Amino acid sequence: MLEELVYSAAQRALDQQSTALSDLRTRTSTLVAAATLSASFLGAAAIGRNAPAWAVVLSMAAFLSTGACAGAVLWPAQVLFAVDADLVEEELFPYRDDPAAYLLEAARGLREAYRENQEVIERRELVFRLALLALGAETVLWALALALT
């Protein structure tokens, strides 16, 4: 039945979003570890060799930017991957005698949740990209600080 396919597709889309957000959080955690290692090893070496203060300050600013962006990605998100059974029953009650309409209305609700989630996920993906750029800048700046010693 077409309605079942539509509903099933809407459910799969939410499942895929959940996986995408989980993967983004995992990649962000790895990015935090990389930034920390970079600051620990390169930063310690640069500071130990009396690197120019401006290079150390810029490197630390890039490190802190990476952390701030990563924190924004990892902060709990306002997303909906599961439905409130009471709310669903209330909203779909008028369609209880028409299974096809019931499924289509349920799919519309899932689609709306998908759209709202997508905005949140896309913003976090953008912030993740900024964190990657900050990590790159951090690494280059620490390397420059070392080169200048």
N, C-alpha and C. Protein backbone atom coordinates (compact mmCIF):
# COMPACT_ATOMS: atom_id res chain seq x y z
N MET A 1 0.85 -1.17 0.00
CA MET A 1 0.00 0.00 0.00
C MET A 1 0.90 1.24 0.00
N LEU A 2 0.56 2.21 -0.82
CA LEU A 2 1.35 3.43 -0.97
C LEU A 2 1.55 4.15 0.36
N GLU A 3 0.52 4.23 1.15
CA GLU A 3 0.60 4.95 2.42
C GLU A 3 1.64 4.32 3.35
N GLU A 4 1.72 3.01 3.35
CA GLU A 4 2.71 2.32 4.18
C GLU A 4 4.13 2.62 3.71
N LEU A 5 4.29 2.69 2.39
CA LEU A 5 5.61 3.04 1.84
C LEU A 5 6.02 4.45 2.23
N VAL A 6 5.08 5.37 2.15
CA VAL A 6 5.37 6.76 2.51
C VAL A 6 5.74 6.86 3.98
N TYR A 7 4.97 6.20 4.83
CA TYR A 7 5.26 6.23 6.26
C TYR A 7 6.61 5.58 6.56
N SER A 8 6.88 4.46 5.93
CA SER A 8 8.15 3.76 6.13
C SER A 8 9.33 4.62 5.69
N ALA A 9 9.17 5.32 4.57
CA ALA A 9 10.24 6.20 4.09
C ALA A 9 10.48 7.34 5.08
N ALA A 10 9.42 7.88 5.65
CA ALA A 10 9.56 8.96 6.63
C ALA A 10 10.30 8.46 7.87
N GLN A 11 9.99 7.26 8.30
CA GLN A 11 10.68 6.68 9.46
C GLN A 11 12.16 6.46 9.16
N ARG A 12 12.46 5.94 7.99
CA ARG A 12 13.87 5.70 7.61
C ARG A 12 14.65 7.01 7.55
N ALA A 13 13.99 8.05 7.06
CA ALA A 13 14.67 9.35 6.98
C ALA A 13 15.08 9.83 8.37
N LEU A 14 14.20 9.67 9.34
CA LEU A 14 14.55 10.07 10.72
C LEU A 14 15.66 9.20 11.28
N ASP A 15 15.62 7.91 10.97
CA ASP A 15 16.69 7.01 11.43
C ASP A 15 18.04 7.44 10.83
N GLN A 16 18.03 7.82 9.56
CA GLN A 16 19.26 8.26 8.91
C GLN A 16 19.78 9.55 9.53
N GLN A 17 18.87 10.45 9.88
CA GLN A 17 19.29 11.67 10.56
C GLN A 17 19.92 11.37 11.90
N SER A 18 19.33 10.46 12.63
CA SER A 18 19.87 10.10 13.93
C SER A 18 21.29 9.56 13.78
N THR A 19 21.49 8.72 12.79
CA THR A 19 22.82 8.17 12.53
C THR A 19 23.79 9.28 12.11
N ALA A 20 23.33 10.19 11.27
CA ALA A 20 24.19 11.29 10.81
C ALA A 20 24.63 12.17 11.98
N LEU A 21 23.71 12.47 12.89
CA LEU A 21 24.07 13.29 14.05
C LEU A 21 25.03 12.55 14.96
N SER A 22 24.81 11.28 15.14
CA SER A 22 25.72 10.47 15.96
C SER A 22 27.11 10.43 15.34
N ASP A 23 27.18 10.24 14.02
CA ASP A 23 28.47 10.23 13.33
C ASP A 23 29.17 11.58 13.45
N LEU A 24 28.41 12.66 13.34
CA LEU A 24 28.99 13.99 13.47
C LEU A 24 29.58 14.18 14.86
N ARG A 25 28.90 13.72 15.86
CA ARG A 25 29.42 13.83 17.23
C ARG A 25 30.68 13.00 17.42
N THR A 26 30.72 11.83 16.81
CA THR A 26 31.91 10.99 16.90
C THR A 26 33.09 11.67 16.22
N ARG A 27 32.87 12.21 15.03
CA ARG A 27 33.95 12.92 14.32
C ARG A 27 34.41 14.14 15.12
N THR A 28 33.48 14.80 15.77
CA THR A 28 33.84 15.97 16.58
C THR A 28 34.69 15.57 17.77
N SER A 29 34.36 14.46 18.39
CA SER A 29 35.17 13.98 19.52
C SER A 29 36.59 13.66 19.06
N THR A 30 36.72 13.08 17.89
CA THR A 30 38.05 12.80 17.33
C THR A 30 38.80 14.09 17.05
N LEU A 31 38.09 15.09 16.55
CA LEU A 31 38.70 16.39 16.28
C LEU A 31 39.21 17.02 17.58
N VAL A 32 38.46 16.90 18.65
CA VAL A 32 38.89 17.44 19.94
C VAL A 32 40.17 16.75 20.38
N ALA A 33 40.23 15.44 20.21
CA ALA A 33 41.44 14.70 20.59
C ALA A 33 42.63 15.16 19.76
N ALA A 34 42.43 15.38 18.46
CA ALA A 34 43.52 15.85 17.59
C ALA A 34 43.99 17.24 18.01
N ALA A 35 43.05 18.11 18.32
CA ALA A 35 43.42 19.47 18.75
C ALA A 35 44.20 19.43 20.06
N THR A 36 43.78 18.58 20.96
CA THR A 36 44.46 18.46 22.24
C THR A 36 45.88 17.92 22.07
N LEU A 37 46.01 16.91 21.22
CA LEU A 37 47.35 16.36 20.96
C LEU A 37 48.25 17.39 20.31
N SER A 38 47.72 18.12 19.36
CA SER A 38 48.50 19.16 18.69
C SER A 38 48.98 20.20 19.69
N ALA A 39 48.06 20.66 20.53
CA ALA A 39 48.45 21.66 21.53
C ALA A 39 49.43 21.08 22.53
N SER A 40 49.24 19.83 22.92
CA SER A 40 50.12 19.22 23.92
C SER A 40 51.54 19.06 23.40
N PHE A 41 51.67 18.45 22.23
CA PHE A 41 53.01 18.16 21.73
C PHE A 41 53.66 19.36 21.05
N LEU A 42 52.99 19.91 20.06
CA LEU A 42 53.58 21.04 19.34
C LEU A 42 53.64 22.28 20.23
N GLY A 43 52.57 22.49 20.99
CA GLY A 43 52.54 23.67 21.86
C GLY A 43 53.61 23.61 22.94
N ALA A 44 53.74 22.45 23.56
CA ALA A 44 54.76 22.31 24.60
C ALA A 44 56.15 22.51 24.03
N ALA A 45 56.40 21.97 22.84
CA ALA A 45 57.72 22.14 22.22
C ALA A 45 57.96 23.60 21.86
N ALA A 46 56.94 24.26 21.31
CA ALA A 46 57.10 25.67 20.92
C ALA A 46 57.34 26.55 22.13
N ILE A 47 56.58 26.34 23.16
CA ILE A 47 56.73 27.16 24.37
C ILE A 47 58.07 26.85 25.04
N GLY A 48 58.44 25.58 25.05
CA GLY A 48 59.72 25.18 25.65
C GLY A 48 60.91 25.78 24.93
N ARG A 49 60.76 26.07 23.66
CA ARG A 49 61.85 26.66 22.87
C ARG A 49 61.73 28.18 22.75
N ASN A 50 60.88 28.77 23.58
CA ASN A 50 60.69 30.22 23.60
C ASN A 50 60.24 30.77 22.24
N ALA A 51 59.19 30.20 21.72
CA ALA A 51 58.61 30.68 20.46
C ALA A 51 58.10 32.10 20.66
N PRO A 52 58.00 32.85 19.59
CA PRO A 52 57.49 34.23 19.71
C PRO A 52 56.10 34.24 20.36
N ALA A 53 55.89 35.19 21.22
CA ALA A 53 54.64 35.27 21.98
C ALA A 53 53.43 35.37 21.05
N TRP A 54 53.56 36.14 19.97
CA TRP A 54 52.42 36.30 19.07
C TRP A 54 52.02 34.97 18.44
N ALA A 55 53.00 34.13 18.13
CA ALA A 55 52.71 32.83 17.52
C ALA A 55 52.03 31.91 18.53
N VAL A 56 52.47 31.96 19.77
CA VAL A 56 51.86 31.14 20.81
C VAL A 56 50.43 31.61 21.08
N VAL A 57 50.23 32.91 21.14
CA VAL A 57 48.89 33.45 21.40
C VAL A 57 47.93 33.07 20.27
N LEU A 58 48.37 33.22 19.02
CA LEU A 58 47.52 32.85 17.88
C LEU A 58 47.23 31.35 17.87
N SER A 59 48.22 30.56 18.20
CA SER A 59 48.02 29.11 18.25
C SER A 59 47.01 28.73 19.32
N MET A 60 47.14 29.35 20.48
CA MET A 60 46.19 29.08 21.56
C MET A 60 44.78 29.56 21.20
N ALA A 61 44.69 30.69 20.50
CA ALA A 61 43.38 31.18 20.07
C ALA A 61 42.73 30.19 19.10
N ALA A 62 43.54 29.64 18.21
CA ALA A 62 43.01 28.64 17.28
C ALA A 62 42.57 27.39 18.04
N PHE A 63 43.35 26.99 19.02
CA PHE A 63 42.99 25.82 19.84
C PHE A 63 41.67 26.07 20.57
N LEU A 64 41.53 27.24 21.17
CA LEU A 64 40.30 27.57 21.89
C LEU A 64 39.11 27.67 20.93
N SER A 65 39.35 28.16 19.73
CA SER A 65 38.28 28.22 18.73
C SER A 65 37.82 26.82 18.34
N THR A 66 38.78 25.93 18.18
CA THR A 66 38.44 24.54 17.87
C THR A 66 37.57 23.97 18.99
N GLY A 67 37.98 24.20 20.22
CA GLY A 67 37.21 23.69 21.36
C GLY A 67 35.82 24.30 21.45
N ALA A 68 35.71 25.59 21.19
CA ALA A 68 34.41 26.26 21.26
C ALA A 68 33.48 25.71 20.18
N CYS A 69 34.00 25.57 18.98
CA CYS A 69 33.17 25.02 17.89
C CYS A 69 32.78 23.57 18.18
N ALA A 70 33.72 22.80 18.68
CA ALA A 70 33.42 21.40 19.00
C ALA A 70 32.37 21.33 20.11
N GLY A 71 32.49 22.19 21.07
CA GLY A 71 31.49 22.23 22.14
C GLY A 71 30.11 22.54 21.61
N ALA A 72 30.03 23.45 20.64
CA ALA A 72 28.73 23.78 20.05
C ALA A 72 28.14 22.58 19.31
N VAL A 73 28.99 21.80 18.67
CA VAL A 73 28.49 20.61 17.96
C VAL A 73 28.05 19.54 18.96
N LEU A 74 28.81 19.38 20.02
CA LEU A 74 28.53 18.31 20.99
C LEU A 74 27.42 18.66 21.98
N TRP A 75 27.08 19.94 22.08
CA TRP A 75 26.04 20.36 23.01
C TRP A 75 24.74 19.63 22.66
N PRO A 76 23.97 19.21 23.65
CA PRO A 76 22.73 18.49 23.34
C PRO A 76 21.85 19.25 22.35
N ALA A 77 21.35 18.54 21.37
CA ALA A 77 20.58 19.16 20.29
C ALA A 77 19.08 19.05 20.56
N GLN A 78 18.35 20.03 20.06
CA GLN A 78 16.89 20.00 20.11
C GLN A 78 16.39 19.31 18.85
N VAL A 79 16.45 18.00 18.85
CA VAL A 79 16.01 17.21 17.71
C VAL A 79 14.99 16.18 18.17
N LEU A 80 14.20 15.70 17.22
CA LEU A 80 13.16 14.74 17.54
C LEU A 80 13.33 13.52 16.64
N PHE A 81 13.71 12.40 17.23
CA PHE A 81 13.85 11.17 16.48
C PHE A 81 12.81 10.13 16.91
N ALA A 82 12.10 10.40 17.98
CA ALA A 82 11.04 9.53 18.45
C ALA A 82 9.81 10.40 18.68
N VAL A 83 8.67 9.82 18.55
CA VAL A 83 7.44 10.59 18.69
C VAL A 83 6.82 10.35 20.07
N ASP A 84 6.11 11.36 20.53
CA ASP A 84 5.37 11.27 21.79
C ASP A 84 4.05 10.56 21.50
N ALA A 85 3.89 9.38 22.07
CA ALA A 85 2.72 8.55 21.78
C ALA A 85 1.41 9.26 22.09
N ASP A 86 1.37 10.00 23.19
CA ASP A 86 0.14 10.71 23.55
C ASP A 86 -0.20 11.78 22.52
N LEU A 87 0.82 12.51 22.10
CA LEU A 87 0.61 13.56 21.10
C LEU A 87 0.17 12.97 19.77
N VAL A 88 0.81 11.87 19.39
CA VAL A 88 0.43 11.20 18.13
C VAL A 88 -1.02 10.76 18.19
N GLU A 89 -1.41 10.13 19.29
CA GLU A 89 -2.79 9.68 19.42
C GLU A 89 -3.77 10.85 19.31
N GLU A 90 -3.43 11.95 19.96
CA GLU A 90 -4.31 13.12 19.93
C GLU A 90 -4.43 13.70 18.52
N GLU A 91 -3.30 13.81 17.83
CA GLU A 91 -3.32 14.42 16.50
C GLU A 91 -3.93 13.50 15.44
N LEU A 92 -3.77 12.19 15.61
CA LEU A 92 -4.24 11.26 14.59
C LEU A 92 -5.61 10.66 14.90
N PHE A 93 -6.16 10.97 16.07
CA PHE A 93 -7.45 10.41 16.46
C PHE A 93 -8.54 10.64 15.41
N PRO A 94 -8.62 11.83 14.81
CA PRO A 94 -9.67 12.04 13.81
C PRO A 94 -9.57 11.10 12.60
N TYR A 95 -8.41 10.51 12.38
CA TYR A 95 -8.21 9.65 11.20
C TYR A 95 -8.31 8.16 11.54
N ARG A 96 -8.73 7.82 12.73
CA ARG A 96 -8.68 6.44 13.21
C ARG A 96 -9.49 5.47 12.36
N ASP A 97 -10.52 5.96 11.67
CA ASP A 97 -11.36 5.07 10.87
C ASP A 97 -10.87 4.94 9.43
N ASP A 98 -9.81 5.67 9.09
CA ASP A 98 -9.28 5.63 7.72
C ASP A 98 -7.78 5.35 7.79
N PRO A 99 -7.39 4.07 7.74
CA PRO A 99 -5.97 3.71 7.90
C PRO A 99 -5.04 4.41 6.91
N ALA A 100 -5.48 4.59 5.69
CA ALA A 100 -4.62 5.25 4.69
C ALA A 100 -4.37 6.70 5.09
N ALA A 101 -5.41 7.41 5.45
CA ALA A 101 -5.26 8.81 5.86
C ALA A 101 -4.44 8.89 7.15
N TYR A 102 -4.64 7.93 8.04
CA TYR A 102 -3.90 7.87 9.30
C TYR A 102 -2.40 7.78 9.03
N LEU A 103 -2.01 6.85 8.14
CA LEU A 103 -0.60 6.67 7.83
C LEU A 103 -0.01 7.91 7.13
N LEU A 104 -0.77 8.48 6.22
CA LEU A 104 -0.27 9.67 5.51
C LEU A 104 -0.11 10.85 6.47
N GLU A 105 -1.04 11.01 7.37
CA GLU A 105 -0.93 12.10 8.34
C GLU A 105 0.25 11.87 9.28
N ALA A 106 0.45 10.62 9.67
CA ALA A 106 1.61 10.29 10.52
C ALA A 106 2.90 10.57 9.77
N ALA A 107 2.95 10.22 8.50
CA ALA A 107 4.14 10.48 7.68
C ALA A 107 4.40 11.98 7.56
N ARG A 108 3.35 12.77 7.44
CA ARG A 108 3.52 14.23 7.38
C ARG A 108 4.14 14.75 8.67
N GLY A 109 3.71 14.20 9.80
CA GLY A 109 4.29 14.60 11.08
C GLY A 109 5.77 14.25 11.16
N LEU A 110 6.12 13.05 10.68
CA LEU A 110 7.52 12.64 10.67
C LEU A 110 8.33 13.53 9.73
N ARG A 111 7.74 13.88 8.60
CA ARG A 111 8.43 14.75 7.65
C ARG A 111 8.71 16.12 8.28
N GLU A 112 7.76 16.64 9.02
CA GLU A 112 7.96 17.93 9.68
C GLU A 112 9.09 17.84 10.71
N ALA A 113 9.13 16.75 11.46
CA ALA A 113 10.23 16.54 12.41
C ALA A 113 11.55 16.46 11.66
N TYR A 114 11.55 15.78 10.52
CA TYR A 114 12.77 15.67 9.70
C TYR A 114 13.25 17.06 9.28
N ARG A 115 12.35 17.90 8.82
CA ARG A 115 12.74 19.24 8.37
C ARG A 115 13.32 20.07 9.51
N GLU A 116 12.69 20.00 10.66
CA GLU A 116 13.21 20.75 11.81
C GLU A 116 14.57 20.22 12.24
N ASN A 117 14.71 18.91 12.27
CA ASN A 117 15.99 18.30 12.62
C ASN A 117 17.08 18.70 11.63
N GLN A 118 16.72 18.73 10.35
CA GLN A 118 17.71 18.99 9.31
C GLN A 118 18.35 20.36 9.49
N GLU A 119 17.58 21.33 9.90
CA GLU A 119 18.13 22.67 10.15
C GLU A 119 19.18 22.62 11.25
N VAL A 120 18.87 21.92 12.32
CA VAL A 120 19.80 21.79 13.45
C VAL A 120 21.07 21.06 13.01
N ILE A 121 20.90 19.98 12.28
CA ILE A 121 22.05 19.17 11.85
C ILE A 121 22.92 19.96 10.87
N GLU A 122 22.32 20.67 9.95
CA GLU A 122 23.10 21.45 8.98
C GLU A 122 23.90 22.54 9.67
N ARG A 123 23.32 23.20 10.67
CA ARG A 123 24.07 24.22 11.43
C ARG A 123 25.26 23.59 12.14
N ARG A 124 25.04 22.44 12.73
CA ARG A 124 26.13 21.76 13.43
C ARG A 124 27.20 21.28 12.47
N GLU A 125 26.83 20.87 11.28
CA GLU A 125 27.83 20.47 10.29
C GLU A 125 28.67 21.67 9.86
N LEU A 126 28.04 22.83 9.75
CA LEU A 126 28.79 24.05 9.42
C LEU A 126 29.77 24.38 10.54
N VAL A 127 29.33 24.30 11.77
CA VAL A 127 30.21 24.59 12.91
C VAL A 127 31.34 23.56 12.97
N PHE A 128 31.04 22.31 12.63
CA PHE A 128 32.09 21.29 12.58
C PHE A 128 33.16 21.67 11.55
N ARG A 129 32.73 22.16 10.40
CA ARG A 129 33.69 22.58 9.37
C ARG A 129 34.56 23.73 9.88
N LEU A 130 33.95 24.64 10.63
CA LEU A 130 34.73 25.74 11.22
C LEU A 130 35.75 25.18 12.22
N ALA A 131 35.34 24.17 12.98
CA ALA A 131 36.27 23.54 13.93
C ALA A 131 37.43 22.89 13.19
N LEU A 132 37.15 22.27 12.05
CA LEU A 132 38.22 21.68 11.25
C LEU A 132 39.20 22.74 10.77
N LEU A 133 38.66 23.86 10.32
CA LEU A 133 39.53 24.96 9.87
C LEU A 133 40.37 25.49 11.03
N ALA A 134 39.75 25.62 12.18
CA ALA A 134 40.49 26.09 13.36
C ALA A 134 41.58 25.10 13.75
N LEU A 135 41.30 23.81 13.65
CA LEU A 135 42.32 22.80 13.94
C LEU A 135 43.48 22.90 12.96
N GLY A 136 43.16 23.08 11.69
CA GLY A 136 44.21 23.27 10.69
C GLY A 136 45.06 24.49 10.99
N ALA A 137 44.39 25.58 11.33
CA ALA A 137 45.12 26.81 11.67
C ALA A 137 45.98 26.60 12.91
N GLU A 138 45.43 25.91 13.89
CA GLU A 138 46.20 25.64 15.11
C GLU A 138 47.48 24.87 14.80
N THR A 139 47.35 23.82 14.02
CA THR A 139 48.50 22.99 13.70
C THR A 139 49.55 23.77 12.92
N VAL A 140 49.10 24.54 11.94
CA VAL A 140 50.03 25.35 11.15
C VAL A 140 50.70 26.41 12.03
N LEU A 141 49.94 27.02 12.90
CA LEU A 141 50.51 28.06 13.77
C LEU A 141 51.51 27.48 14.76
N TRP A 142 51.21 26.30 15.31
CA TRP A 142 52.18 25.67 16.22
C TRP A 142 53.46 25.32 15.45
N ALA A 143 53.30 24.80 14.24
CA ALA A 143 54.46 24.45 13.42
C ALA A 143 55.26 25.72 13.09
N LEU A 144 54.57 26.80 12.79
CA LEU A 144 55.25 28.07 12.52
C LEU A 144 55.98 28.56 13.76
N ALA A 145 55.33 28.45 14.90
CA ALA A 145 55.97 28.86 16.15
C ALA A 145 57.23 28.06 16.40
N LEU A 146 57.19 26.77 16.11
CA LEU A 146 58.39 25.94 16.26
C LEU A 146 59.47 26.34 15.26
N ALA A 147 59.07 26.63 14.05
CA ALA A 147 60.03 27.00 13.00
C ALA A 147 60.73 28.32 13.34
N LEU A 148 60.06 29.17 14.06
CA LEU A 148 60.62 30.49 14.39
C LEU A 148 61.53 30.45 15.62
N THR A 149 61.70 29.29 16.23
CA THR A 149 62.57 29.22 17.41
C THR A 149 64.00 28.91 17.02
